[in-house]
Protein backbone atom coordinates (compact mmCIF):
# COMPACT_ATOMS: atom_id res chain seq x y z
CA MET A 1 -150.68 0.60 -73.69
CA LEU A 2 -148.64 4.04 -74.40
CA ILE A 3 -148.21 4.47 -70.62
CA ARG A 4 -147.07 0.90 -70.11
CA HIS A 5 -144.42 0.76 -72.95
CA GLN A 6 -143.12 4.26 -71.67
CA SER A 7 -143.01 2.92 -68.20
CA ARG A 8 -141.00 -0.12 -69.50
CA ARG A 9 -138.46 2.09 -71.26
CA VAL A 10 -137.99 4.35 -68.31
CA VAL A 11 -137.67 1.53 -66.07
CA TRP A 12 -135.03 0.00 -68.32
CA GLU A 13 -133.28 3.20 -68.85
CA ARG A 14 -132.97 3.65 -64.96
CA ALA A 15 -131.79 0.05 -64.35
CA THR A 16 -128.92 0.61 -67.13
CA THR A 17 -127.67 3.96 -66.11
CA VAL A 18 -124.83 2.81 -63.86
CA PRO A 19 -123.71 -0.33 -66.04
CA PHE A 20 -123.50 1.91 -69.07
CA THR A 21 -121.64 4.48 -67.27
CA ILE A 22 -119.15 2.06 -66.16
CA LEU A 23 -118.85 0.84 -69.79
CA ALA A 24 -118.40 4.41 -71.13
CA ILE A 25 -115.56 4.86 -68.48
CA ALA A 26 -113.93 1.49 -69.55
CA PHE A 27 -113.91 2.62 -73.23
CA LEU A 28 -112.28 5.89 -72.12
CA VAL A 29 -109.56 3.93 -70.31
CA SER A 30 -109.19 1.63 -73.16
CA TYR A 31 -108.79 4.58 -75.50
CA VAL A 32 -106.18 6.44 -73.51
CA TRP A 33 -104.44 3.06 -72.83
CA GLN A 34 -104.19 2.79 -76.50
CA VAL A 35 -102.52 6.07 -77.39
CA LEU A 36 -100.27 5.64 -74.21
CA ASP A 37 -99.03 2.27 -75.29
CA HIS A 38 -98.54 3.30 -78.80
CA GLY A 39 -98.10 0.07 -80.49
CA ARG A 40 -95.69 -1.22 -77.85
CA THR A 41 -97.73 -4.17 -76.89
CA PRO A 42 -99.54 -5.45 -80.05
CA SER A 43 -101.32 -8.26 -78.26
CA LEU A 44 -102.64 -5.66 -75.77
CA ASP A 45 -103.79 -3.33 -78.55
CA VAL A 46 -105.82 -6.35 -80.15
CA TRP A 47 -107.39 -6.81 -76.94
CA LEU A 48 -108.26 -3.14 -76.45
CA THR A 49 -109.66 -2.97 -79.89
CA ARG A 50 -112.06 -6.04 -79.00
CA VAL A 51 -113.19 -4.04 -76.05
CA ASP A 52 -113.99 -1.17 -78.20
CA ILE A 53 -116.08 -3.31 -80.49
CA VAL A 54 -117.82 -5.16 -77.47
CA ILE A 55 -118.96 -1.85 -76.05
CA TRP A 56 -120.19 -0.26 -79.29
CA LEU A 57 -122.38 -3.56 -79.81
CA LEU A 58 -123.83 -3.34 -76.17
CA PHE A 59 -124.68 0.50 -76.93
CA SER A 60 -126.34 -0.53 -80.07
CA ALA A 61 -128.37 -3.32 -78.71
CA ASP A 62 -129.56 -0.94 -75.71
CA PHE A 63 -130.31 1.89 -78.33
CA LEU A 64 -132.28 -0.79 -80.50
CA TYR A 65 -134.02 -2.15 -77.63
CA ARG A 66 -135.19 0.98 -76.10
CA LEU A 67 -136.47 1.97 -79.77
CA ARG A 68 -138.22 -1.07 -80.19
CA ILE A 69 -140.20 -0.71 -76.86
CA SER A 70 -140.97 3.14 -77.29
CA THR A 71 -144.42 3.64 -79.21
CA ALA A 72 -143.42 7.30 -80.48
CA ARG A 73 -140.34 6.15 -82.11
CA ARG A 74 -139.84 9.34 -84.13
CA ARG A 75 -139.94 11.60 -81.07
CA PHE A 76 -137.60 8.91 -79.42
CA LEU A 77 -135.22 9.49 -82.23
CA ARG A 78 -135.23 13.11 -82.07
CA ASN A 79 -134.88 13.26 -78.41
CA ASN A 80 -132.01 10.50 -78.53
CA TRP A 81 -129.73 11.66 -81.13
CA LEU A 82 -126.61 11.23 -78.98
CA ASP A 83 -127.34 7.73 -78.51
CA LEU A 84 -128.00 7.33 -82.17
CA SER A 85 -124.88 9.04 -82.91
CA ILE A 86 -123.03 6.42 -80.85
CA VAL A 87 -124.56 3.77 -82.97
CA LEU A 88 -123.92 5.21 -86.30
CA VAL A 89 -120.07 5.82 -85.62
CA PRO A 90 -118.35 2.64 -86.22
CA PRO A 91 -115.44 1.40 -83.88
CA LEU A 92 -112.66 2.49 -86.16
CA ARG A 93 -109.14 3.82 -84.92
CA PRO A 94 -109.57 7.29 -86.73
CA LEU A 95 -112.96 8.17 -85.01
CA ARG A 96 -111.89 7.02 -81.43
CA LEU A 97 -111.68 10.49 -80.06
CA LEU A 98 -115.26 11.24 -81.61
CA ARG A 99 -116.80 7.76 -80.01
CA ALA A 100 -115.06 8.55 -76.59
CA ALA A 101 -116.44 11.88 -76.46
CA LEU A 102 -119.97 10.67 -77.16
CA LEU A 103 -119.82 7.54 -74.99
CA ILE A 104 -118.83 9.81 -72.01
CA ILE A 105 -121.28 12.62 -72.60
CA ASP A 106 -124.04 10.02 -73.04
CA ALA A 107 -122.99 8.54 -69.80
CA VAL A 108 -123.20 11.73 -68.13
CA ASP A 109 -126.61 12.32 -69.72
CA ARG A 110 -127.86 8.94 -68.51
CA HIS A 111 -126.69 9.70 -64.93
CA THR A 112 -128.33 13.07 -64.50
CA ARG A 113 -131.30 12.46 -66.66
CA PHE A 114 -133.61 11.93 -63.55
CA GLN A 115 -132.11 14.67 -61.44
CA ALA A 116 -133.14 17.76 -63.36
CA ARG A 117 -132.08 20.22 -60.71
CA VAL A 118 -128.24 19.24 -61.05
CA ARG A 119 -128.25 18.04 -64.52
CA LEU A 120 -127.10 21.15 -66.32
CA ALA A 121 -124.21 21.69 -63.85
CA MET A 122 -123.00 18.23 -63.93
CA PHE A 123 -123.43 18.08 -67.67
CA VAL A 124 -121.34 21.29 -68.23
CA GLY A 125 -118.78 20.65 -65.72
CA VAL A 126 -118.21 16.89 -66.87
CA SER A 127 -118.07 18.11 -70.49
CA SER A 128 -115.53 20.58 -69.80
CA MET A 129 -113.16 18.35 -68.21
CA LEU A 130 -113.89 15.53 -70.77
CA LEU A 131 -112.96 17.95 -73.49
CA VAL A 132 -109.73 18.97 -71.98
CA LEU A 133 -108.68 15.53 -71.42
CA LEU A 134 -109.54 13.83 -74.71
CA CYS A 135 -108.05 16.79 -76.64
CA SER A 136 -104.99 16.39 -74.74
CA VAL A 137 -104.67 12.61 -75.30
CA ALA A 138 -105.66 13.29 -78.83
CA MET A 139 -102.95 15.79 -79.36
CA PHE A 140 -100.26 13.86 -77.82
CA ASP A 141 -101.06 10.93 -80.29
CA ALA A 142 -101.03 13.14 -83.13
CA GLU A 143 -97.80 15.46 -82.41
CA ARG A 144 -95.55 13.24 -80.72
CA ASP A 145 -93.88 11.63 -83.68
CA ALA A 146 -94.56 14.53 -86.11
CA PRO A 147 -91.50 16.19 -87.78
CA GLY A 148 -91.09 19.52 -86.09
CA SER A 149 -93.49 19.01 -83.30
CA ASN A 150 -92.90 20.62 -79.90
CA ILE A 151 -95.40 18.32 -78.01
CA HIS A 152 -93.78 15.15 -76.95
CA SER A 153 -95.52 14.11 -73.81
CA LEU A 154 -99.04 14.06 -72.56
CA GLY A 155 -97.99 16.63 -69.85
CA GLU A 156 -97.10 19.12 -72.45
CA ALA A 157 -100.31 18.14 -74.33
CA ALA A 158 -102.48 18.67 -71.40
CA TRP A 159 -100.76 22.15 -70.77
CA TRP A 160 -101.32 23.26 -74.32
CA SER A 161 -105.25 22.15 -73.91
CA VAL A 162 -105.47 24.16 -70.64
CA VAL A 163 -104.09 27.12 -72.05
CA SER A 164 -105.94 26.97 -75.25
CA VAL A 165 -109.22 26.48 -73.55
CA THR A 166 -108.88 29.23 -71.35
CA THR A 167 -107.98 31.55 -74.19
CA VAL A 168 -104.43 32.36 -72.89
CA GLY A 169 -102.57 30.98 -75.60
CA TYR A 170 -98.84 31.28 -74.62
CA GLY A 171 -97.51 30.01 -77.61
CA ASP A 172 -94.93 27.82 -75.87
CA PHE A 173 -96.84 24.63 -77.60
CA TYR A 174 -98.52 24.49 -80.65
CA PRO A 175 -99.68 21.72 -83.20
CA VAL A 176 -97.97 21.38 -86.56
CA THR A 177 -99.99 18.38 -88.08
CA LEU A 178 -103.41 18.86 -89.84
CA GLU A 179 -105.08 16.47 -87.16
CA GLY A 180 -103.51 18.44 -84.45
CA ARG A 181 -104.89 21.75 -85.72
CA LEU A 182 -108.14 20.17 -86.46
CA ILE A 183 -108.18 19.18 -82.93
CA ALA A 184 -107.16 22.76 -81.72
CA VAL A 185 -110.07 24.39 -83.76
CA VAL A 186 -112.78 21.94 -81.79
CA LEU A 187 -111.09 22.66 -78.55
CA MET A 188 -111.03 26.41 -79.02
CA THR A 189 -114.37 26.61 -80.48
CA VAL A 190 -116.40 24.44 -77.92
CA GLY A 191 -114.04 25.42 -75.12
CA ILE A 192 -115.15 29.25 -75.33
CA GLY A 193 -118.56 28.27 -75.62
CA LEU A 194 -118.42 26.21 -72.22
CA ILE A 195 -116.30 28.68 -70.45
CA SER A 196 -118.93 31.46 -71.36
CA PHE A 197 -121.78 29.28 -70.53
CA VAL A 198 -120.01 28.47 -66.97
CA ILE A 199 -119.42 32.12 -66.51
CA GLY A 200 -122.97 33.14 -67.33
CA THR A 201 -124.38 30.38 -65.02
CA VAL A 202 -122.32 31.33 -62.16
CA THR A 203 -123.42 35.02 -62.71
CA SER A 204 -126.88 34.05 -62.82
CA TRP A 205 -126.73 31.84 -59.76
CA VAL A 206 -125.23 34.71 -57.83
CA ILE A 207 -127.96 36.99 -58.78
CA ASP A 208 -130.66 34.61 -57.92
CA ARG A 209 -128.80 34.00 -54.33
CA LEU A 210 -128.72 38.12 -53.82
CA ARG A 211 -132.45 38.29 -54.93
CA THR A 212 -133.20 35.56 -52.55
CA VAL A 213 -131.67 37.73 -49.56
CA ASP A 214 -133.48 40.90 -50.70
CA GLU A 215 -136.78 38.80 -50.61
CA GLY A 216 -135.92 37.77 -47.29
CA VAL A 217 -135.04 40.98 -45.79
CA GLU A 218 -138.33 42.52 -47.30
CA ARG A 219 -140.35 39.78 -45.79
CA ALA A 220 -138.94 40.41 -42.47
CA ASP A 221 -139.43 44.16 -42.56
CA ARG A 222 -143.31 43.30 -43.51
CA GLU A 223 -143.46 40.90 -40.65
CA LEU A 224 -141.88 43.39 -38.16
CA ASP A 225 -144.38 45.97 -39.42
CA GLU A 226 -147.22 43.67 -38.88
CA LEU A 227 -145.92 42.59 -35.38
CA ILE A 228 -145.42 46.26 -34.44
CA GLY A 229 -149.12 47.03 -35.57
CA GLU A 230 -150.31 44.36 -33.51
CA VAL A 231 -148.46 45.49 -30.27
CA ARG A 232 -149.69 49.17 -30.95
CA SER A 233 -153.20 47.79 -31.19
CA LEU A 234 -152.80 45.64 -28.06
CA ARG A 235 -151.55 48.74 -26.17
CA ALA A 236 -154.55 50.92 -27.20
CA GLU A 237 -156.74 48.09 -25.80
CA ILE A 238 -154.90 48.25 -22.67
CA THR A 239 -155.06 51.94 -22.32
CA GLU A 240 -158.61 51.86 -22.97
CA LEU A 241 -159.56 49.10 -20.44
CA ARG A 242 -157.46 51.03 -17.97
CA ALA A 243 -159.37 54.16 -18.57
CA GLN A 244 -162.63 52.10 -18.22
CA LEU A 245 -161.32 50.68 -14.78
CA GLY A 246 -159.96 54.04 -13.71
CA THR A 247 -156.29 52.74 -13.34
CA PRO A 248 -154.05 55.55 -13.87
CA ARG A 249 -151.53 55.21 -16.69
CA PRO A 250 -147.79 54.46 -15.44
CA GLU A 251 -145.36 57.24 -16.08
CA GLY A 252 -142.78 57.00 -18.60
CA GLY A 253 -145.04 55.02 -21.01
CA HIS A 254 -144.78 55.68 -24.85
CA GLU A 255 -145.91 54.33 -27.82
CA LEU A 256 -144.01 51.41 -29.32
CA GLY A 257 -142.43 52.31 -32.64
CA LYS A 258 -143.22 56.23 -32.52
CA SER A 259 -139.36 56.65 -33.55
CA ARG A 260 -139.91 54.73 -36.81
């Protein structure tokens, strides 16, 4: 019974990976669109809010269904805390940034859940790009109309995000609002961790490649030594046979590998 229920859940998760990835991307587009529209089209803002609510309901229904068909429900909750967070965060405008991040990260996790070899690389790479994008949009939304702000376009917000996440920090753009500074704290804290992780992963990969090359060279040397040993043994047998048959050894002959 346990195997049957687990199989149902795995089959369901595999079948819904693409649809829920599309839903997460749709929510991200809706969030960015709302920020860029900035209330200029109230009817559009209402429709985008409805899209947000519908996506939240679909993710909630998916989570509750997977929880119902899972027998080890406590372990399911522990292993799927990200999905649980999406359900617990309501579709409110102040929480749009958090919901966008949770939905996209969950979509990446769904897509790579069954590809263990590439999961970590995809997760870190997409999370890094997502972090910069969402923080750029959120910073633009928080700073564009604030008194004394120097970030008035999405391009300026994106530039600020890039120089901040890479710890360059030119200082040409900076937040002046409380919301903008909180976004900056999140970007710098998480960004440094992601970049350090990427550098460590790349370094580890290079070391593994070099170790593989060294092992290949050592294996080739061992095989060559074995081959030379076999050739020497064959030459010794040939010499012995010639001696028994009385055939003179050809002049200029020498043992293979004597110079090694």
